[in-house]
Amino acid sequence: MHILIIEDEPAIRQELKLLLENALYQVTALEDFEDAAKEALALDPDLVLLDLNLPGESGFDICTRIRFASEVPIIFVTSRTDSMDELTGLMKGGDDYITKPFQAPILLAHIAAVLKRTARGGTELSKLTHKEAELDIARGSISYRGQTVELTKNELKIMHCLFLNKEKIVSRANLIEYLWDNQVFIDDNTLSVNITRIRTKLEPVGLHDFIGTKRGLGYYI
């Protein structure tokens, strides 16, 4: 799923970009706001995160122009906390309104909810299942028969790769390459340590031998 960020403050823009990439979204962050609405329509993302205070056009105007030509979900992410601003944003066609400073898990939950509600996402966006186990990407956890275990960022990315390739052997090299593409530095030894930790976490919730090893080839679920 592709998310477009329209935010002029570099620090917040970078924070949002890293947060979303770590949640396994494809992300584009605009740095030129001369015609942000036109750029958004050309990119055709699955969702737009839109600030209100931008150079040139306001977020309200950009939202209006996008909404004239597209039903792409738009979430305002802004420091403006006035209830009238929130009402205006929703009346202009916004799907949600989040105020800064935001809490990362709450923002991710709002994004997942909007994508699901607008039918551009769905449960497969944030949840994958295999053998009764459910990987919740938004929450960073695995659940099995009513029990849940939390995963670190690296563990989540490893499990995401295995769930995407369930019942197939994923080589150690491909796992490392996948993590590297997602901007996580990991070497062969670190991969082994993470696999061991994941297995240790899964045992108490009943997922015994959930991750299999094919000696000389790689891992599978």
C-alpha atoms as a PDB file:
ATOM      1  CA  MET A   1       0.000   0.000   0.000  1.00  0.00           C
ATOM      2  CA  HIS A   2       1.301   3.426  -1.019  1.00  0.00           C
ATOM      3  CA  ILE A   3       0.995   6.434   1.308  1.00  0.00           C
ATOM      4  CA  LEU A   4       1.773  10.004   0.262  1.00  0.00           C
ATOM      5  CA  ILE A   5       2.988  12.484   2.895  1.00  0.00           C
ATOM      6  CA  ILE A   6       2.366  16.210   2.323  1.00  0.00           C
ATOM      7  CA  GLU A   7       4.196  17.826   5.248  1.00  0.00           C
ATOM      8  CA  ASP A   8       6.557  20.804   5.028  1.00  0.00           C
ATOM      9  CA  GLU A   9       8.440  20.383   8.321  1.00  0.00           C
ATOM     10  CA  PRO A  10      11.468  18.190   7.468  1.00  0.00           C
ATOM     11  CA  ALA A  11      11.770  16.566  10.918  1.00  0.00           C
ATOM     12  CA  ILE A  12       8.112  15.548  11.057  1.00  0.00           C
ATOM     13  CA  ARG A  13       8.158  14.469   7.417  1.00  0.00           C
ATOM     14  CA  GLN A  14      11.126  12.195   8.066  1.00  0.00           C
ATOM     15  CA  GLU A  15       9.551  10.845  11.262  1.00  0.00           C
ATOM     16  CA  LEU A  16       6.360   9.957   9.409  1.00  0.00           C
ATOM     17  CA  LYS A  17       8.272   8.404   6.524  1.00  0.00           C
ATOM     18  CA  LEU A  18      10.332   6.129   8.786  1.00  0.00           C
ATOM     19  CA  LEU A  19       7.294   5.187  10.865  1.00  0.00           C
ATOM     20  CA  LEU A  20       5.307   4.148   7.811  1.00  0.00           C
ATOM     21  CA  GLU A  21       8.202   2.326   6.149  1.00  0.00           C
ATOM     22  CA  ASN A  22       8.781   0.389   9.360  1.00  0.00           C
ATOM     23  CA  ALA A  23       5.089  -0.542   9.227  1.00  0.00           C
ATOM     24  CA  LEU A  24       5.794  -1.940   5.728  1.00  0.00           C
ATOM     25  CA  TYR A  25       4.016   0.722   3.681  1.00  0.00           C
ATOM     26  CA  GLN A  26       5.430   2.161   0.471  1.00  0.00           C
ATOM     27  CA  VAL A  27       5.957   5.871   1.162  1.00  0.00           C
ATOM     28  CA  THR A  28       6.421   9.021  -0.918  1.00  0.00           C
ATOM     29  CA  ALA A  29       7.085  12.318   0.879  1.00  0.00           C
ATOM     30  CA  LEU A  30       6.701  15.532  -1.114  1.00  0.00           C
ATOM     31  CA  GLU A  31       9.343  18.209  -0.678  1.00  0.00           C
ATOM     32  CA  ASP A  32       7.990  20.636  -3.268  1.00  0.00           C
ATOM     33  CA  PHE A  33       4.532  22.030  -2.503  1.00  0.00           C
ATOM     34  CA  GLU A  34       4.045  24.297  -5.513  1.00  0.00           C
ATOM     35  CA  ASP A  35       1.242  22.080  -6.856  1.00  0.00           C
ATOM     36  CA  ALA A  36       0.775  19.364  -4.227  1.00  0.00           C
ATOM     37  CA  ALA A  37      -2.732  18.422  -5.347  1.00  0.00           C
ATOM     38  CA  LYS A  38      -1.615  17.811  -8.937  1.00  0.00           C
ATOM     39  CA  GLU A  39       1.329  15.743  -7.677  1.00  0.00           C
ATOM     40  CA  ALA A  40      -0.969  13.698  -5.427  1.00  0.00           C
ATOM     41  CA  LEU A  41      -3.336  12.943  -8.291  1.00  0.00           C
ATOM     42  CA  ALA A  42      -0.452  11.940 -10.548  1.00  0.00           C
ATOM     43  CA  LEU A  43       0.999   9.568  -7.942  1.00  0.00           C
ATOM     44  CA  ASP A  44      -2.424   8.023  -7.220  1.00  0.00           C
ATOM     45  CA  PRO A  45      -1.521   6.756  -3.699  1.00  0.00           C
ATOM     46  CA  ASP A  46      -3.753   4.590  -1.528  1.00  0.00           C
ATOM     47  CA  LEU A  47      -3.855   7.262   1.180  1.00  0.00           C
ATOM     48  CA  VAL A  48      -2.680  10.851   1.748  1.00  0.00           C
ATOM     49  CA  LEU A  49      -1.380  12.290   5.030  1.00  0.00           C
ATOM     50  CA  LEU A  50      -1.915  16.037   4.725  1.00  0.00           C
ATOM     51  CA  ASP A  51      -0.739  18.936   6.892  1.00  0.00           C
ATOM     52  CA  LEU A  52      -2.792  22.139   7.068  1.00  0.00           C
ATOM     53  CA  ASN A  53      -0.074  24.782   7.380  1.00  0.00           C
ATOM     54  CA  LEU A  54       1.803  24.561   4.101  1.00  0.00           C
ATOM     55  CA  PRO A  55       3.621  27.137   1.973  1.00  0.00           C
ATOM     56  CA  GLY A  56       1.298  28.465  -0.699  1.00  0.00           C
ATOM     57  CA  GLU A  57      -1.996  26.601  -0.632  1.00  0.00           C
ATOM     58  CA  SER A  58      -3.455  25.465   2.676  1.00  0.00           C
ATOM     59  CA  GLY A  59      -4.171  21.817   3.381  1.00  0.00           C
ATOM     60  CA  PHE A  60      -7.884  22.609   3.097  1.00  0.00           C
ATOM     61  CA  ASP A  61      -7.441  23.886  -0.465  1.00  0.00           C
ATOM     62  CA  ILE A  62      -5.281  20.914  -1.437  1.00  0.00           C
ATOM     63  CA  CYS A  63      -7.870  18.527  -0.024  1.00  0.00           C
ATOM     64  CA  THR A  64     -10.640  20.236  -2.006  1.00  0.00           C
ATOM     65  CA  ARG A  65      -8.689  19.982  -5.239  1.00  0.00           C
ATOM     66  CA  ILE A  66      -7.805  16.323  -4.667  1.00  0.00           C
ATOM     67  CA  ARG A  67     -11.354  15.450  -3.713  1.00  0.00           C
ATOM     68  CA  PHE A  68     -12.714  17.091  -6.870  1.00  0.00           C
ATOM     69  CA  ALA A  69     -10.960  14.444  -8.959  1.00  0.00           C
ATOM     70  CA  SER A  70     -10.314  11.499  -6.608  1.00  0.00           C
ATOM     71  CA  GLU A  71     -11.785   9.521  -3.716  1.00  0.00           C
ATOM     72  CA  VAL A  72      -8.338   8.711  -2.282  1.00  0.00           C
ATOM     73  CA  PRO A  73      -8.534   8.653   1.551  1.00  0.00           C
ATOM     74  CA  ILE A  74      -7.107  11.801   3.168  1.00  0.00           C
ATOM     75  CA  ILE A  75      -6.048  12.085   6.806  1.00  0.00           C
ATOM     76  CA  PHE A  76      -5.162  15.531   8.123  1.00  0.00           C
ATOM     77  CA  VAL A  77      -2.127  15.431  10.453  1.00  0.00           C
ATOM     78  CA  THR A  78      -1.757  18.892  11.947  1.00  0.00           C
ATOM     79  CA  SER A  79      -0.834  20.925  15.017  1.00  0.00           C
ATOM     80  CA  ARG A  80      -4.104  22.877  14.734  1.00  0.00           C
ATOM     81  CA  THR A  81      -6.349  21.599  17.520  1.00  0.00           C
ATOM     82  CA  ASP A  82      -9.347  23.916  17.084  1.00  0.00           C
ATOM     83  CA  SER A  83     -12.572  21.959  16.684  1.00  0.00           C
ATOM     84  CA  MET A  84     -13.648  24.243  13.832  1.00  0.00           C
ATOM     85  CA  ASP A  85     -10.513  23.296  11.900  1.00  0.00           C
ATOM     86  CA  GLU A  86     -11.345  19.630  12.396  1.00  0.00           C
ATOM     87  CA  LEU A  87     -14.925  20.199  11.248  1.00  0.00           C
ATOM     88  CA  THR A  88     -13.725  22.158   8.212  1.00  0.00           C
ATOM     89  CA  GLY A  89     -11.290  19.407   7.299  1.00  0.00           C
ATOM     90  CA  LEU A  90     -14.001  16.774   7.391  1.00  0.00           C
ATOM     91  CA  MET A  91     -16.423  19.005   5.475  1.00  0.00           C
ATOM     92  CA  LYS A  92     -13.776  19.540   2.794  1.00  0.00           C
ATOM     93  CA  GLY A  93     -13.639  15.786   2.256  1.00  0.00           C
ATOM     94  CA  GLY A  94     -11.050  14.580   4.749  1.00  0.00           C
ATOM     95  CA  ASP A  95     -11.564  11.087   6.149  1.00  0.00           C
ATOM     96  CA  ASP A  96      -9.857  11.647   9.513  1.00  0.00           C
ATOM     97  CA  TYR A  97      -8.130  14.369  11.553  1.00  0.00           C
ATOM     98  CA  ILE A  98      -5.101  13.663  13.776  1.00  0.00           C
ATOM     99  CA  THR A  99      -3.442  16.340  15.903  1.00  0.00           C
ATOM    100  CA  LYS A 100       0.271  16.667  16.612  1.00  0.00           C
ATOM    101  CA  PRO A 101       2.078  15.480  18.591  1.00  0.00           C
ATOM    102  CA  PHE A 102       0.687  12.088  17.599  1.00  0.00           C
ATOM    103  CA  GLN A 103       1.347   8.687  19.134  1.00  0.00           C
ATOM    104  CA  ALA A 104       2.723   6.300  16.515  1.00  0.00           C
ATOM    105  CA  PRO A 105       0.500   3.268  17.336  1.00  0.00           C
ATOM    106  CA  ILE A 106      -2.625   5.456  17.291  1.00  0.00           C
ATOM    107  CA  LEU A 107      -1.724   7.031  13.959  1.00  0.00           C
ATOM    108  CA  LEU A 108      -1.051   3.594  12.428  1.00  0.00           C
ATOM    109  CA  ALA A 109      -4.376   2.330  13.777  1.00  0.00           C
ATOM    110  CA  HIS A 110      -6.207   5.309  12.242  1.00  0.00           C
ATOM    111  CA  ILE A 111      -4.487   4.710   8.897  1.00  0.00           C
ATOM    112  CA  ALA A 112      -5.436   1.013   8.905  1.00  0.00           C
ATOM    113  CA  ALA A 113      -9.027   1.860   9.893  1.00  0.00           C
ATOM    114  CA  VAL A 114      -9.417   4.470   7.143  1.00  0.00           C
ATOM    115  CA  LEU A 115      -7.969   2.151   4.494  1.00  0.00           C
ATOM    116  CA  LYS A 116     -10.290  -0.631   5.587  1.00  0.00           C
ATOM    117  CA  ARG A 117     -13.325   1.654   5.760  1.00  0.00           C
ATOM    118  CA  THR A 118     -12.683   3.136   2.337  1.00  0.00           C
ATOM    119  CA  ALA A 119     -12.117  -0.319   0.813  1.00  0.00           C
ATOM    120  CA  ARG A 120      -8.635   0.568  -0.456  1.00  0.00           C
ATOM    121  CA  GLY A 121      -7.021  -1.628   2.150  1.00  0.00           C
ATOM    122  CA  GLY A 122      -8.675  -4.538   3.880  1.00  0.00           C
ATOM    123  CA  THR A 123      -7.657  -6.999   6.561  1.00  0.00           C
ATOM    124  CA  GLU A 124      -4.852  -8.289   4.374  1.00  0.00           C
ATOM    125  CA  LEU A 125      -3.241  -4.867   4.628  1.00  0.00           C
ATOM    126  CA  SER A 126      -2.391  -5.198   8.278  1.00  0.00           C
ATOM    127  CA  LYS A 127      -3.129  -8.841   9.111  1.00  0.00           C
ATOM    128  CA  LEU A 128      -1.869 -12.101   7.631  1.00  0.00           C
ATOM    129  CA  THR A 129      -2.882 -15.579   8.784  1.00  0.00           C
ATOM    130  CA  HIS A 130      -1.387 -19.056   8.574  1.00  0.00           C
ATOM    131  CA  LYS A 131      -2.210 -22.220  10.549  1.00  0.00           C
ATOM    132  CA  GLU A 132      -4.495 -20.238  12.916  1.00  0.00           C
ATOM    133  CA  ALA A 133      -1.672 -17.791  13.675  1.00  0.00           C
ATOM    134  CA  GLU A 134      -2.372 -14.143  12.858  1.00  0.00           C
ATOM    135  CA  LEU A 135       0.371 -11.598  12.163  1.00  0.00           C
ATOM    136  CA  ASP A 136      -0.875  -8.091  12.988  1.00  0.00           C
ATOM    137  CA  ILE A 137       1.470  -5.700  11.205  1.00  0.00           C
ATOM    138  CA  ALA A 138      -0.077  -2.528  12.626  1.00  0.00           C
ATOM    139  CA  ARG A 139       0.301  -3.765  16.202  1.00  0.00           C
ATOM    140  CA  GLY A 140       3.553  -5.649  15.666  1.00  0.00           C
ATOM    141  CA  SER A 141       2.312  -8.905  17.169  1.00  0.00           C
ATOM    142  CA  ILE A 142       1.377 -12.524  16.512  1.00  0.00           C
ATOM    143  CA  SER A 143      -1.790 -14.047  17.977  1.00  0.00           C
ATOM    144  CA  TYR A 144      -2.710 -17.706  18.324  1.00  0.00           C
ATOM    145  CA  ARG A 145      -5.889 -19.070  19.920  1.00  0.00           C
ATOM    146  CA  GLY A 146      -6.481 -16.032  22.082  1.00  0.00           C
ATOM    147  CA  GLN A 147      -2.868 -15.430  23.105  1.00  0.00           C
ATOM    148  CA  THR A 148      -0.664 -12.657  21.735  1.00  0.00           C
ATOM    149  CA  VAL A 149       3.083 -12.074  21.651  1.00  0.00           C
ATOM    150  CA  GLU A 150       4.747  -8.757  20.814  1.00  0.00           C
ATOM    151  CA  LEU A 151       7.506  -8.570  18.201  1.00  0.00           C
ATOM    152  CA  THR A 152      10.419  -6.195  17.738  1.00  0.00           C
ATOM    153  CA  LYS A 153      10.825  -4.323  14.446  1.00  0.00           C
ATOM    154  CA  ASN A 154      13.309  -6.853  13.053  1.00  0.00           C
ATOM    155  CA  GLU A 155      11.209  -9.814  14.237  1.00  0.00           C
ATOM    156  CA  LEU A 156       8.119  -8.321  12.622  1.00  0.00           C
ATOM    157  CA  LYS A 157       9.855  -7.890   9.280  1.00  0.00           C
ATOM    158  CA  ILE A 158      11.199 -11.444   9.354  1.00  0.00           C
ATOM    159  CA  MET A 159       7.744 -12.852  10.121  1.00  0.00           C
ATOM    160  CA  HIS A 160       6.149 -10.632   7.486  1.00  0.00           C
ATOM    161  CA  CYS A 161       8.476 -12.073   4.851  1.00  0.00           C
ATOM    162  CA  LEU A 162       7.757 -15.640   5.988  1.00  0.00           C
ATOM    163  CA  PHE A 163       3.978 -15.045   6.035  1.00  0.00           C
ATOM    164  CA  LEU A 164       4.103 -13.580   2.530  1.00  0.00           C
ATOM    165  CA  ASN A 165       5.876 -16.777   1.417  1.00  0.00           C
ATOM    166  CA  LYS A 166       4.022 -19.280   3.600  1.00  0.00           C
ATOM    167  CA  GLU A 167       4.662 -22.937   2.806  1.00  0.00           C
ATOM    168  CA  LYS A 168       7.683 -21.887   0.735  1.00  0.00           C
ATOM    169  CA  ILE A 169      11.323 -21.987   1.776  1.00  0.00           C
ATOM    170  CA  VAL A 170      12.824 -18.509   2.112  1.00  0.00           C
ATOM    171  CA  SER A 171      16.609 -18.515   1.898  1.00  0.00           C
ATOM    172  CA  ARG A 172      18.706 -16.740   4.502  1.00  0.00           C
ATOM    173  CA  ALA A 173      20.109 -14.545   1.723  1.00  0.00           C
ATOM    174  CA  ASN A 174      16.623 -13.542   0.569  1.00  0.00           C
ATOM    175  CA  LEU A 175      15.559 -12.734   4.138  1.00  0.00           C
ATOM    176  CA  ILE A 176      18.600 -10.524   4.638  1.00  0.00           C
ATOM    177  CA  GLU A 177      18.018  -8.844   1.273  1.00  0.00           C
ATOM    178  CA  TYR A 178      14.343  -8.259   2.153  1.00  0.00           C
ATOM    179  CA  LEU A 179      15.299  -6.632   5.445  1.00  0.00           C
ATOM    180  CA  TRP A 180      17.970  -4.545   3.760  1.00  0.00           C
ATOM    181  CA  ASP A 181      15.420  -3.280   1.216  1.00  0.00           C
ATOM    182  CA  ASN A 182      13.287  -2.202   4.164  1.00  0.00           C
ATOM    183  CA  GLN A 183      16.223  -0.154   5.525  1.00  0.00           C
ATOM    184  CA  VAL A 184      17.127  -2.527   8.358  1.00  0.00           C
ATOM    185  CA  PHE A 185      20.794  -3.470   8.644  1.00  0.00           C
ATOM    186  CA  ILE A 186      21.094  -7.167   9.476  1.00  0.00           C
ATOM    187  CA  ASP A 187      23.823  -9.732   8.878  1.00  0.00           C
ATOM    188  CA  ASP A 188      23.781 -13.538   8.881  1.00  0.00           C
ATOM    189  CA  ASN A 189      24.547 -13.868  12.585  1.00  0.00           C
ATOM    190  CA  THR A 190      21.910 -11.295  13.549  1.00  0.00           C
ATOM    191  CA  LEU A 191      19.341 -13.182  11.471  1.00  0.00           C
ATOM    192  CA  SER A 192      20.089 -16.399  13.407  1.00  0.00           C
ATOM    193  CA  VAL A 193      19.712 -14.581  16.724  1.00  0.00           C
ATOM    194  CA  ASN A 194      16.376 -13.079  15.659  1.00  0.00           C
ATOM    195  CA  ILE A 195      15.007 -16.414  14.440  1.00  0.00           C
ATOM    196  CA  THR A 196      15.930 -17.995  17.790  1.00  0.00           C
ATOM    197  CA  ARG A 197      14.245 -15.179  19.706  1.00  0.00           C
ATOM    198  CA  ILE A 198      11.084 -15.447  17.628  1.00  0.00           C
ATOM    199  CA  ARG A 199      10.882 -19.200  18.211  1.00  0.00           C
ATOM    200  CA  THR A 200      11.365 -18.653  21.945  1.00  0.00           C
ATOM    201  CA  LYS A 201       8.536 -16.104  21.978  1.00  0.00           C
ATOM    202  CA  LEU A 202       6.157 -18.343  20.012  1.00  0.00           C
ATOM    203  CA  GLU A 203       6.565 -21.453  22.169  1.00  0.00           C
ATOM    204  CA  PRO A 204       4.613 -20.188  25.249  1.00  0.00           C
ATOM    205  CA  VAL A 205       1.552 -19.247  23.156  1.00  0.00           C
ATOM    206  CA  GLY A 206       1.375 -22.727  21.624  1.00  0.00           C
ATOM    207  CA  LEU A 207       3.139 -22.149  18.314  1.00  0.00           C
ATOM    208  CA  HIS A 208       5.582 -25.044  18.630  1.00  0.00           C
ATOM    209  CA  ASP A 209       7.945 -25.536  15.679  1.00  0.00           C
ATOM    210  CA  PHE A 210       6.051 -22.840  13.765  1.00  0.00           C
ATOM    211  CA  ILE A 211       9.221 -21.765  11.962  1.00  0.00           C
ATOM    212  CA  GLY A 212      10.878 -24.680  10.244  1.00  0.00           C
ATOM    213  CA  THR A 213      14.461 -24.925   9.014  1.00  0.00           C
ATOM    214  CA  LYS A 214      15.510 -26.587   5.788  1.00  0.00           C
ATOM    215  CA  ARG A 215      19.209 -27.148   6.356  1.00  0.00           C
ATOM    216  CA  GLY A 216      21.317 -25.440   3.729  1.00  0.00           C
ATOM    217  CA  LEU A 217      18.271 -23.764   2.175  1.00  0.00           C
ATOM    218  CA  GLY A 218      16.478 -21.474   4.639  1.00  0.00           C
ATOM    219  CA  TYR A 219      13.292 -21.121   6.711  1.00  0.00           C
ATOM    220  CA  TYR A 220       9.586 -21.726   6.170  1.00  0.00           C
ATOM    221  CA  ILE A 221       6.249 -21.614   7.996  1.00  0.00           C
END
